N, C-alpha and C. Protein backbone atom coordinates (compact mmCIF):
# COMPACT_ATOMS: atom_id res chain seq x y z
N MET A 1 -7.26 6.13 24.03
CA MET A 1 -6.54 5.64 23.47
C MET A 1 -5.41 4.13 23.65
N ASN A 2 -5.25 4.02 24.80
CA ASN A 2 -4.31 3.22 25.26
C ASN A 2 -4.88 1.93 24.75
N LYS A 3 -6.07 1.38 25.15
CA LYS A 3 -6.73 0.38 24.96
C LYS A 3 -7.42 -0.34 23.69
N PHE A 4 -7.17 1.18 22.64
CA PHE A 4 -7.44 0.64 20.85
C PHE A 4 -6.69 0.93 20.59
N ALA A 5 -4.89 0.67 20.57
CA ALA A 5 -4.40 0.71 19.74
C ALA A 5 -3.77 -0.41 19.25
N LYS A 6 -3.78 -1.47 19.53
CA LYS A 6 -3.37 -2.61 19.80
C LYS A 6 -4.08 -3.44 18.26
N PRO A 7 -6.01 -2.96 18.79
CA PRO A 7 -7.01 -3.51 18.01
C PRO A 7 -6.86 -2.63 16.47
N VAL A 8 -6.91 -1.10 16.84
CA VAL A 8 -6.44 -0.26 15.56
C VAL A 8 -5.57 -0.62 15.04
N VAL A 9 -4.24 -0.81 15.48
CA VAL A 9 -3.24 -1.43 14.45
C VAL A 9 -3.43 -2.50 13.89
N LEU A 10 -4.68 -3.89 14.29
CA LEU A 10 -4.38 -4.98 13.78
C LEU A 10 -5.51 -4.76 12.54
N LEU A 11 -6.49 -3.91 12.67
CA LEU A 11 -7.53 -3.00 12.02
C LEU A 11 -6.87 -2.57 10.33
N VAL A 12 -6.03 -2.36 10.61
CA VAL A 12 -5.09 -1.23 9.77
C VAL A 12 -4.58 -2.77 8.94
N ALA A 13 -3.39 -3.22 9.48
CA ALA A 13 -3.08 -4.55 8.98
C ALA A 13 -4.06 -5.77 7.85
N LEU A 14 -5.54 -5.81 8.51
CA LEU A 14 -6.34 -6.56 8.22
C LEU A 14 -6.43 -5.76 6.65
N ILE A 15 -6.86 -4.34 6.98
CA ILE A 15 -7.28 -3.18 5.14
C ILE A 15 -6.45 -3.90 4.63
N SER A 16 -5.20 -3.49 4.82
CA SER A 16 -3.82 -3.70 3.89
C SER A 16 -4.45 -4.91 3.37
N LEU A 17 -4.32 -6.18 4.12
CA LEU A 17 -4.13 -7.01 3.67
C LEU A 17 -5.59 -7.54 2.31
N ALA A 18 -6.05 -7.05 2.90
CA ALA A 18 -8.02 -7.36 2.22
C ALA A 18 -7.54 -6.52 1.06
N LEU A 19 -6.82 -4.60 1.06
CA LEU A 19 -6.36 -4.27 -0.68
C LEU A 19 -5.77 -4.80 -1.19
N LEU A 20 -4.88 -5.95 -0.85
CA LEU A 20 -3.90 -6.43 -1.63
C LEU A 20 -4.43 -7.74 -2.22
N ALA A 21 -5.39 -8.31 -1.52
CA ALA A 21 -6.56 -9.80 -1.94
C ALA A 21 -7.44 -8.93 -3.34
N VAL A 22 -7.79 -7.56 -2.88
CA VAL A 22 -8.57 -7.21 -3.88
C VAL A 22 -8.24 -6.64 -5.16
N GLY A 23 -6.75 -6.15 -5.07
CA GLY A 23 -6.11 -5.88 -6.05
C GLY A 23 -5.64 -7.58 -6.94
N LEU A 24 -5.48 -8.36 -6.30
CA LEU A 24 -5.23 -9.85 -6.89
C LEU A 24 -6.69 -9.93 -7.81
N TYR A 25 -7.52 -9.91 -7.08
CA TYR A 25 -9.08 -10.14 -7.82
C TYR A 25 -9.41 -9.50 -9.00
N MET A 26 -9.10 -8.21 -9.44
CA MET A 26 -9.05 -7.45 -9.99
C MET A 26 -7.67 -7.98 -11.04
N GLN A 27 -6.88 -8.13 -10.93
CA GLN A 27 -5.44 -8.42 -11.94
C GLN A 27 -6.41 -10.19 -12.64
N LEU A 28 -6.97 -11.11 -11.99
CA LEU A 28 -7.04 -12.83 -12.16
C LEU A 28 -8.36 -12.85 -12.63
N VAL A 29 -9.54 -12.12 -11.55
CA VAL A 29 -10.36 -12.30 -12.39
C VAL A 29 -10.95 -11.43 -13.36
N LEU A 30 -10.83 -9.89 -13.19
CA LEU A 30 -10.99 -9.23 -13.87
C LEU A 30 -9.86 -8.23 -15.15
N ASP A 31 -8.92 -8.94 -14.71
CA ASP A 31 -7.85 -9.11 -16.15
C ASP A 31 -7.65 -7.54 -16.17
N MET A 32 -7.60 -6.66 -14.82
CA MET A 32 -6.86 -5.54 -14.92
C MET A 32 -5.46 -6.00 -14.68
N LEU A 33 -4.56 -5.71 -15.55
CA LEU A 33 -2.85 -5.78 -15.60
C LEU A 33 -2.45 -4.80 -14.71
N PRO A 34 -1.24 -5.68 -13.68
CA PRO A 34 -1.25 -4.28 -12.78
C PRO A 34 0.16 -3.53 -13.28
N CYS A 35 0.39 -2.39 -13.24
CA CYS A 35 1.45 -1.15 -13.51
C CYS A 35 2.93 -1.46 -12.73
N PRO A 36 3.69 -1.12 -12.88
CA PRO A 36 5.02 -0.55 -12.32
C PRO A 36 4.63 0.01 -10.46
N LEU A 37 4.02 1.18 -10.73
CA LEU A 37 3.88 1.76 -10.02
C LEU A 37 2.13 1.27 -8.91
N CYS A 38 1.41 0.40 -9.66
CA CYS A 38 1.32 -0.34 -8.96
C CYS A 38 1.50 -1.62 -7.96
N ILE A 39 2.43 -1.99 -8.49
CA ILE A 39 3.51 -2.81 -7.99
C ILE A 39 3.77 -2.31 -6.71
N LEU A 40 4.69 -1.03 -7.18
CA LEU A 40 4.97 -0.50 -5.68
C LEU A 40 4.00 -0.05 -4.77
N GLN A 41 2.93 0.43 -5.27
CA GLN A 41 1.41 0.52 -4.23
C GLN A 41 1.60 -1.45 -3.70
N ARG A 42 1.53 -1.46 -3.94
CA ARG A 42 1.54 -3.39 -2.87
C ARG A 42 2.36 -3.18 -2.22
N TYR A 43 3.34 -3.36 -2.35
CA TYR A 43 5.05 -3.88 -2.14
C TYR A 43 4.18 -2.34 -0.45
N ALA A 44 3.95 -1.27 -0.90
CA ALA A 44 3.78 -0.45 0.14
C ALA A 44 2.72 -0.68 1.01
N PHE A 45 1.75 -0.97 0.72
CA PHE A 45 0.91 -2.13 1.51
C PHE A 45 0.52 -2.71 2.62
N ALA A 46 1.66 -3.82 1.40
CA ALA A 46 2.00 -5.49 2.05
C ALA A 46 3.04 -5.01 3.42
N LEU A 47 3.92 -3.42 2.94
CA LEU A 47 5.06 -3.81 3.89
C LEU A 47 4.06 -2.51 5.29
N THR A 48 2.81 -2.13 4.56
CA THR A 48 2.09 -1.43 6.15
C THR A 48 1.87 -2.42 7.00
N ALA A 49 1.43 -3.28 6.04
CA ALA A 49 0.29 -5.12 7.06
C ALA A 49 0.77 -5.74 8.32
N LEU A 50 2.64 -5.72 7.26
CA LEU A 50 3.80 -6.36 8.44
C LEU A 50 4.08 -5.53 9.47
N LEU A 51 4.76 -4.17 8.61
CA LEU A 51 5.11 -3.37 10.11
C LEU A 51 3.76 -3.60 10.90
N CYS A 52 2.45 -3.30 10.73
CA CYS A 52 1.59 -2.97 11.77
C CYS A 52 1.45 -4.93 12.64
N LEU A 53 1.63 -6.13 11.40
CA LEU A 53 1.27 -7.10 12.57
C LEU A 53 2.66 -7.25 13.70
N LEU A 54 3.88 -6.75 12.77
CA LEU A 54 5.38 -6.89 13.89
C LEU A 54 4.90 -6.41 15.29
N THR A 55 3.86 -4.77 15.10
CA THR A 55 3.58 -4.21 16.17
C THR A 55 3.30 -5.15 17.02
N ILE A 56 1.76 -5.58 16.82
CA ILE A 56 1.32 -6.35 17.74
C ILE A 56 2.21 -7.49 18.35
N ALA A 57 2.88 -7.99 17.79
CA ALA A 57 3.77 -9.05 17.85
C ALA A 57 4.70 -8.51 18.82
N LEU A 58 5.28 -7.92 18.89
CA LEU A 58 6.34 -7.25 19.95
C LEU A 58 5.91 -6.23 21.27
N PRO A 59 6.35 -6.54 22.63
CA PRO A 59 5.92 -6.00 23.54
C PRO A 59 5.27 -4.77 23.42
N THR A 60 3.99 -4.33 24.18
CA THR A 60 3.59 -2.50 23.98
C THR A 60 4.22 -1.88 24.29
N ASN A 61 5.54 -1.90 24.25
CA ASN A 61 6.54 -0.78 24.26
C ASN A 61 6.99 -0.28 23.24
N TYR A 62 6.89 -1.22 22.54
CA TYR A 62 7.49 -0.79 20.78
C TYR A 62 5.80 -0.44 20.14
N LEU A 63 5.10 -0.06 20.52
CA LEU A 63 3.77 0.40 19.89
C LEU A 63 4.14 1.79 18.99
N ARG A 64 4.76 2.32 19.79
CA ARG A 64 4.98 4.04 19.00
C ARG A 64 5.59 3.85 17.94
N ALA A 65 7.14 3.14 18.04
CA ALA A 65 8.00 2.67 16.76
C ALA A 65 7.00 2.25 16.12
N GLY A 66 6.61 0.82 16.20
CA GLY A 66 6.22 0.50 14.94
C GLY A 66 4.50 1.17 14.50
N ALA A 67 3.96 1.94 14.92
CA ALA A 67 2.66 2.48 14.47
C ALA A 67 3.77 4.00 13.77
N ALA A 68 4.86 4.31 14.55
CA ALA A 68 5.63 5.34 13.64
C ALA A 68 5.87 4.34 11.86
N ALA A 69 6.60 3.46 12.20
CA ALA A 69 7.42 2.89 11.17
C ALA A 69 5.69 2.76 10.27
N ALA A 70 5.24 2.02 9.98
CA ALA A 70 3.39 1.64 9.64
C ALA A 70 2.84 3.16 8.88
N SER A 71 3.30 4.47 9.29
CA SER A 71 2.70 5.38 8.81
C SER A 71 3.90 5.63 7.65
N LEU A 72 4.92 5.31 8.21
CA LEU A 72 6.29 6.16 6.88
C LEU A 72 5.89 5.06 5.86
N ALA A 73 5.77 3.44 5.55
CA ALA A 73 4.65 3.35 5.31
C ALA A 73 4.24 3.37 4.16
N SER A 74 3.12 3.93 4.86
CA SER A 74 1.64 4.66 4.05
C SER A 74 2.39 5.75 3.54
N ILE A 75 2.60 6.65 3.79
CA ILE A 75 2.92 7.84 3.59
C ILE A 75 4.02 7.60 2.34
N THR A 76 4.92 6.41 1.76
CA THR A 76 5.58 6.13 0.47
C THR A 76 4.65 5.60 -0.77
N GLY A 77 3.66 4.73 0.28
CA GLY A 77 2.37 4.33 -0.71
C GLY A 77 1.35 5.58 -1.00
N ALA A 78 1.59 6.47 -0.50
CA ALA A 78 0.58 7.73 -0.58
C ALA A 78 1.80 8.38 -2.19
N GLY A 79 2.69 8.74 -1.93
CA GLY A 79 3.80 9.42 -2.82
C GLY A 79 3.85 8.66 -3.83
N ILE A 80 3.43 7.30 -3.93
CA ILE A 80 3.43 6.58 -5.28
C ILE A 80 2.04 6.95 -5.56
N ALA A 81 0.85 6.68 -5.48
CA ALA A 81 -0.62 7.05 -5.39
C ALA A 81 -0.19 8.26 -6.06
N ILE A 82 0.42 9.19 -5.18
CA ILE A 82 0.12 10.66 -6.04
C ILE A 82 0.93 10.22 -7.57
N ARG A 83 2.19 10.14 -7.44
CA ARG A 83 2.47 10.00 -8.47
C ARG A 83 2.08 9.27 -9.28
N HIS A 84 1.53 8.06 -9.74
CA HIS A 84 0.26 7.48 -10.43
C HIS A 84 -0.50 8.63 -10.52
N LEU A 85 -0.98 8.75 -10.25
CA LEU A 85 -2.01 9.87 -10.56
C LEU A 85 -2.00 11.19 -11.51
N TRP A 86 -0.44 12.01 -11.23
CA TRP A 86 0.10 12.68 -12.31
C TRP A 86 0.47 11.63 -13.67
N VAL A 87 0.64 10.61 -13.26
CA VAL A 87 1.16 10.16 -15.29
C VAL A 87 -0.24 9.53 -15.72
N LYS A 88 -1.59 9.36 -14.72
CA LYS A 88 -2.48 9.09 -15.68
C LYS A 88 -3.05 10.34 -16.19
N ALA A 89 -2.59 11.59 -15.18
CA ALA A 89 -3.41 13.06 -15.92
C ALA A 89 -2.71 13.14 -16.97
N HIS A 90 -1.50 12.98 -17.48
CA HIS A 90 -0.07 13.44 -18.47
C HIS A 90 0.37 11.79 -19.46
N PRO A 91 -1.00 11.33 -20.12
CA PRO A 91 -0.88 10.48 -20.78
C PRO A 91 -0.10 10.16 -21.72
N THR A 92 0.72 10.86 -22.27
CA THR A 92 1.97 11.25 -22.84
C THR A 92 3.21 10.64 -21.97
N ILE A 93 3.05 10.97 -20.28
CA ILE A 93 4.43 10.45 -19.99
C ILE A 93 3.88 8.81 -19.07
N SER A 94 4.70 7.39 -19.57
CA SER A 94 4.70 6.31 -19.01
C SER A 94 4.92 5.80 -18.53
N CYS A 95 5.33 5.07 -17.36
CA CYS A 95 5.96 4.04 -16.67
C CYS A 95 5.91 2.94 -17.40
N GLY A 96 5.45 2.32 -18.58
CA GLY A 96 5.44 1.33 -18.91
C GLY A 96 6.74 0.42 -19.02
N ILE A 97 6.62 -0.53 -19.76
CA ILE A 97 7.97 -1.18 -20.59
C ILE A 97 9.38 -0.39 -20.25
N ASP A 98 9.89 -0.60 -18.93
CA ASP A 98 10.99 0.83 -18.79
C ASP A 98 12.30 0.22 -17.34
N ALA A 99 12.57 0.43 -17.44
CA ALA A 99 13.93 0.51 -16.29
C ALA A 99 13.24 -0.17 -15.38
N LEU A 100 11.99 1.14 -14.53
CA LEU A 100 11.00 0.24 -13.68
C LEU A 100 10.66 -0.99 -13.49
N GLU A 101 10.11 -1.07 -14.59
CA GLU A 101 9.09 -2.49 -14.73
C GLU A 101 10.54 -3.41 -14.74
N VAL A 102 11.78 -3.78 -15.83
CA VAL A 102 12.59 -4.05 -15.11
C VAL A 102 13.03 -4.52 -14.06
N ALA A 103 13.72 -4.06 -13.10
CA ALA A 103 13.48 -3.74 -11.66
C ALA A 103 13.01 -4.60 -10.77
N LEU A 104 11.37 -4.34 -11.50
CA LEU A 104 10.69 -4.67 -10.24
C LEU A 104 10.88 -6.49 -10.66
N ASN A 105 10.21 -6.38 -11.27
CA ASN A 105 9.97 -8.16 -12.09
C ASN A 105 11.71 -9.13 -12.13
N LYS A 106 12.61 -8.20 -11.57
CA LYS A 106 13.64 -9.51 -11.04
C LYS A 106 14.05 -9.15 -9.47
N LEU A 107 13.37 -8.76 -8.99
CA LEU A 107 13.15 -8.52 -7.19
C LEU A 107 12.43 -10.11 -6.72
N VAL A 108 13.01 -10.19 -5.61
CA VAL A 108 12.52 -11.66 -5.09
C VAL A 108 11.49 -12.05 -5.24
N PHE A 109 10.67 -10.85 -4.49
CA PHE A 109 9.31 -11.22 -4.55
C PHE A 109 8.42 -11.26 -5.31
N ALA A 110 8.99 -11.15 -7.17
CA ALA A 110 8.17 -10.85 -8.19
C ALA A 110 8.64 -12.35 -8.80
N ASN A 111 9.69 -13.38 -8.25
CA ASN A 111 9.36 -14.45 -8.43
C ASN A 111 9.61 -15.76 -7.06
N TRP A 112 8.93 -15.18 -6.13
CA TRP A 112 8.43 -15.92 -5.27
C TRP A 112 6.51 -15.50 -5.35
N LEU A 113 6.09 -14.87 -5.52
CA LEU A 113 4.49 -14.37 -5.45
C LEU A 113 4.57 -13.60 -6.75
N PRO A 114 4.14 -13.73 -8.37
CA PRO A 114 4.83 -13.32 -9.32
C PRO A 114 3.12 -12.60 -9.59
N ALA A 115 2.20 -13.49 -9.79
CA ALA A 115 0.64 -12.99 -9.48
C ALA A 115 0.21 -11.82 -8.18
N LEU A 116 1.30 -11.24 -7.50
CA LEU A 116 1.31 -10.71 -6.96
C LEU A 116 1.89 -9.13 -7.01
N PHE A 117 3.22 -9.73 -7.49
CA PHE A 117 4.44 -8.55 -7.42
C PHE A 117 4.66 -8.42 -8.61
N GLN A 118 4.67 -9.23 -9.84
CA GLN A 118 5.18 -9.26 -10.75
C GLN A 118 3.92 -8.02 -11.58
N ALA A 119 4.41 -7.08 -12.81
CA ALA A 119 3.91 -5.70 -13.10
C ALA A 119 4.09 -6.16 -14.91
N ASP A 120 2.87 -6.08 -15.24
CA ASP A 120 2.75 -6.50 -16.65
C ASP A 120 1.34 -5.69 -17.40
N GLY A 121 1.13 -4.12 -17.08
CA GLY A 121 0.14 -3.41 -17.67
C GLY A 121 0.98 -2.08 -17.27
N LEU A 122 0.25 -0.98 -18.11
CA LEU A 122 0.51 0.31 -18.64
C LEU A 122 0.33 0.82 -17.48
N CYS A 123 0.58 2.37 -17.00
CA CYS A 123 0.23 3.10 -15.91
C CYS A 123 -0.85 3.61 -16.43
N THR A 124 -0.70 3.97 -17.75
CA THR A 124 -1.93 4.72 -18.45
C THR A 124 -2.94 4.13 -19.10
N THR A 125 -3.45 3.02 -18.58
CA THR A 125 -4.46 2.34 -19.10
C THR A 125 -5.93 2.91 -18.32
N GLU A 126 -6.72 3.07 -18.90
CA GLU A 126 -8.11 3.44 -18.28
C GLU A 126 -8.48 2.37 -17.91
N TYR A 127 -9.25 2.22 -16.90
CA TYR A 127 -9.70 1.34 -16.23
C TYR A 127 -11.43 2.10 -15.81
N GLU A 128 -12.50 0.72 -16.20
CA GLU A 128 -13.71 1.78 -14.98
C GLU A 128 -13.49 2.11 -13.81
N PRO A 129 -14.11 3.03 -13.60
CA PRO A 129 -14.21 4.20 -12.06
C PRO A 129 -14.64 3.66 -11.34
N ILE A 130 -14.12 3.22 -9.52
CA ILE A 130 -15.08 2.48 -9.10
C ILE A 130 -15.29 3.72 -7.99
N LEU A 131 -17.28 3.53 -7.88
CA LEU A 131 -17.51 4.96 -7.33
C LEU A 131 -17.19 5.80 -7.56
N GLY A 132 -16.77 5.85 -8.56
CA GLY A 132 -16.23 7.21 -9.14
C GLY A 132 -15.02 7.38 -9.65
N LEU A 133 -13.92 6.64 -8.60
CA LEU A 133 -12.19 7.30 -8.28
C LEU A 133 -11.85 6.16 -9.08
N SER A 134 -10.27 6.56 -9.95
CA SER A 134 -9.67 5.50 -10.03
C SER A 134 -9.01 4.64 -9.16
N ILE A 135 -8.06 3.54 -9.62
CA ILE A 135 -7.37 2.71 -8.86
C ILE A 135 -6.86 3.53 -7.54
N PRO A 136 -5.40 4.53 -8.92
CA PRO A 136 -4.37 4.80 -7.87
C PRO A 136 -5.17 6.31 -6.54
N ALA A 137 -6.70 6.49 -7.22
CA ALA A 137 -7.13 7.51 -5.65
C ALA A 137 -7.72 7.04 -4.86
N TRP A 138 -8.02 5.81 -5.08
CA TRP A 138 -8.50 4.79 -4.21
C TRP A 138 -7.63 4.73 -2.99
N ALA A 139 -6.23 4.38 -3.75
CA ALA A 139 -5.08 3.51 -2.86
C ALA A 139 -4.85 4.59 -2.01
N LEU A 140 -5.06 5.99 -2.98
CA LEU A 140 -3.81 7.32 -2.15
C LEU A 140 -5.20 7.55 -0.93
N ILE A 141 -6.34 7.32 -0.78
CA ILE A 141 -7.51 7.71 0.10
C ILE A 141 -6.64 6.61 1.28
N TRP A 142 -6.55 5.28 0.49
CA TRP A 142 -6.27 4.71 2.01
C TRP A 142 -4.82 4.42 2.56
N PHE A 143 -3.71 4.60 2.05
CA PHE A 143 -2.59 5.64 2.38
C PHE A 143 -2.64 6.48 3.06
N SER A 144 -3.56 7.45 2.96
CA SER A 144 -3.88 8.54 3.73
C SER A 144 -4.43 8.63 4.90
N GLY A 145 -4.71 7.41 4.80
CA GLY A 145 -5.97 7.29 6.29
C GLY A 145 -5.14 6.77 7.04
N PHE A 146 -4.54 5.31 6.50
CA PHE A 146 -3.36 4.50 7.35
C PHE A 146 -2.52 5.89 7.70
N ALA A 147 -2.10 6.13 7.10
CA ALA A 147 -0.92 7.27 7.45
C ALA A 147 -1.27 8.17 9.05
N LEU A 148 -2.37 8.98 8.93
CA LEU A 148 -3.28 9.18 9.54
C LEU A 148 -3.30 8.74 10.79
N THR A 149 -4.15 7.49 10.99
CA THR A 149 -3.75 6.66 11.96
C THR A 149 -3.10 6.46 13.26
N MET A 150 -1.95 6.13 11.76
CA MET A 150 -0.55 5.13 12.58
C MET A 150 0.09 6.51 12.88
N SER A 151 -0.03 7.53 12.60
CA SER A 151 0.52 8.51 13.20
C SER A 151 0.08 9.42 14.23
N LEU A 152 -1.37 8.94 14.39
CA LEU A 152 -1.99 9.71 16.05
C LEU A 152 -1.85 8.40 16.72
N ILE A 153 -1.56 7.22 16.62
CA ILE A 153 -0.76 6.00 17.30
C ILE A 153 0.96 6.64 17.69
N ALA A 154 0.77 6.67 17.48
CA ALA A 154 3.00 7.20 18.02
C ALA A 154 3.26 8.24 18.35
N LEU A 155 1.80 9.63 18.20
CA LEU A 155 2.18 10.83 18.82
C LEU A 155 1.44 10.97 20.26
N ARG A 156 0.08 9.96 19.91
CA ARG A 156 -0.31 9.94 21.40
C ARG A 156 -0.51 8.45 22.15
N TYR A 157 0.18 7.51 21.75
CA TYR A 157 0.18 6.62 23.06
C TYR A 157 1.14 6.68 24.22
N ARG A 158 0.67 6.42 25.37
CA ARG A 158 1.15 6.45 26.13
C ARG A 158 0.94 5.03 26.64
N ARG A 159 2.41 4.90 27.30
CA ARG A 159 2.51 3.77 28.37
C ARG A 159 1.56 3.05 29.31
N PRO A 160 1.71 2.04 29.37
CA PRO A 160 1.12 2.44 31.25
C PRO A 160 1.64 2.04 31.91
N ALA A 161 1.03 2.83 32.76
CA ALA A 161 2.34 2.98 34.17
C ALA A 161 2.62 1.84 34.85
C-alpha cells in the first residue's frame, strides 16, 4: 500500500478534475444547466481534488491526514448526491430559485468562475441518462469510490521506517 498511496491520491485528484471538466462540457456544449445541488457537488469534487493535490505536495508524514480530509470531502459530496437523487424522486420538491441558489451565486467562486460555480438550472430537470444512470447517480458512485479509496489509504498507510 505504501508505494501506491501517492499515485492513487493523484489519480483521485485527476479523476475529480476530469469530472469537473465533464460537468463544464455538459453545461457549455450540451446546454445542461447546473442546479444548486449540482454546484454543491462541483464544490465537493473541487475540494476533493484540492485536498488530494495538497496531500501529494506535503511530506509523506501528512498522507494519512490528507487522505482522511479528502475522504470527508467525498462523503460530503455523496451526501449531496443522495439529496439530489431524493429531490429527483420527489418532483414536487424543488431546489430551484430559492435561498440556496441565491447564496451559492453570491459566493466568491461563483463570481470568479461563473461557468463552473454559478447555479442556473432546476434540480428536477430530467436529462438523458448516461449509461442508464442520472448525473447525480454517477456523482454518488464516484464520491463513494473516492471516499472508500481515501479511507483505506488513511487507515492502512504506514510511514516508512
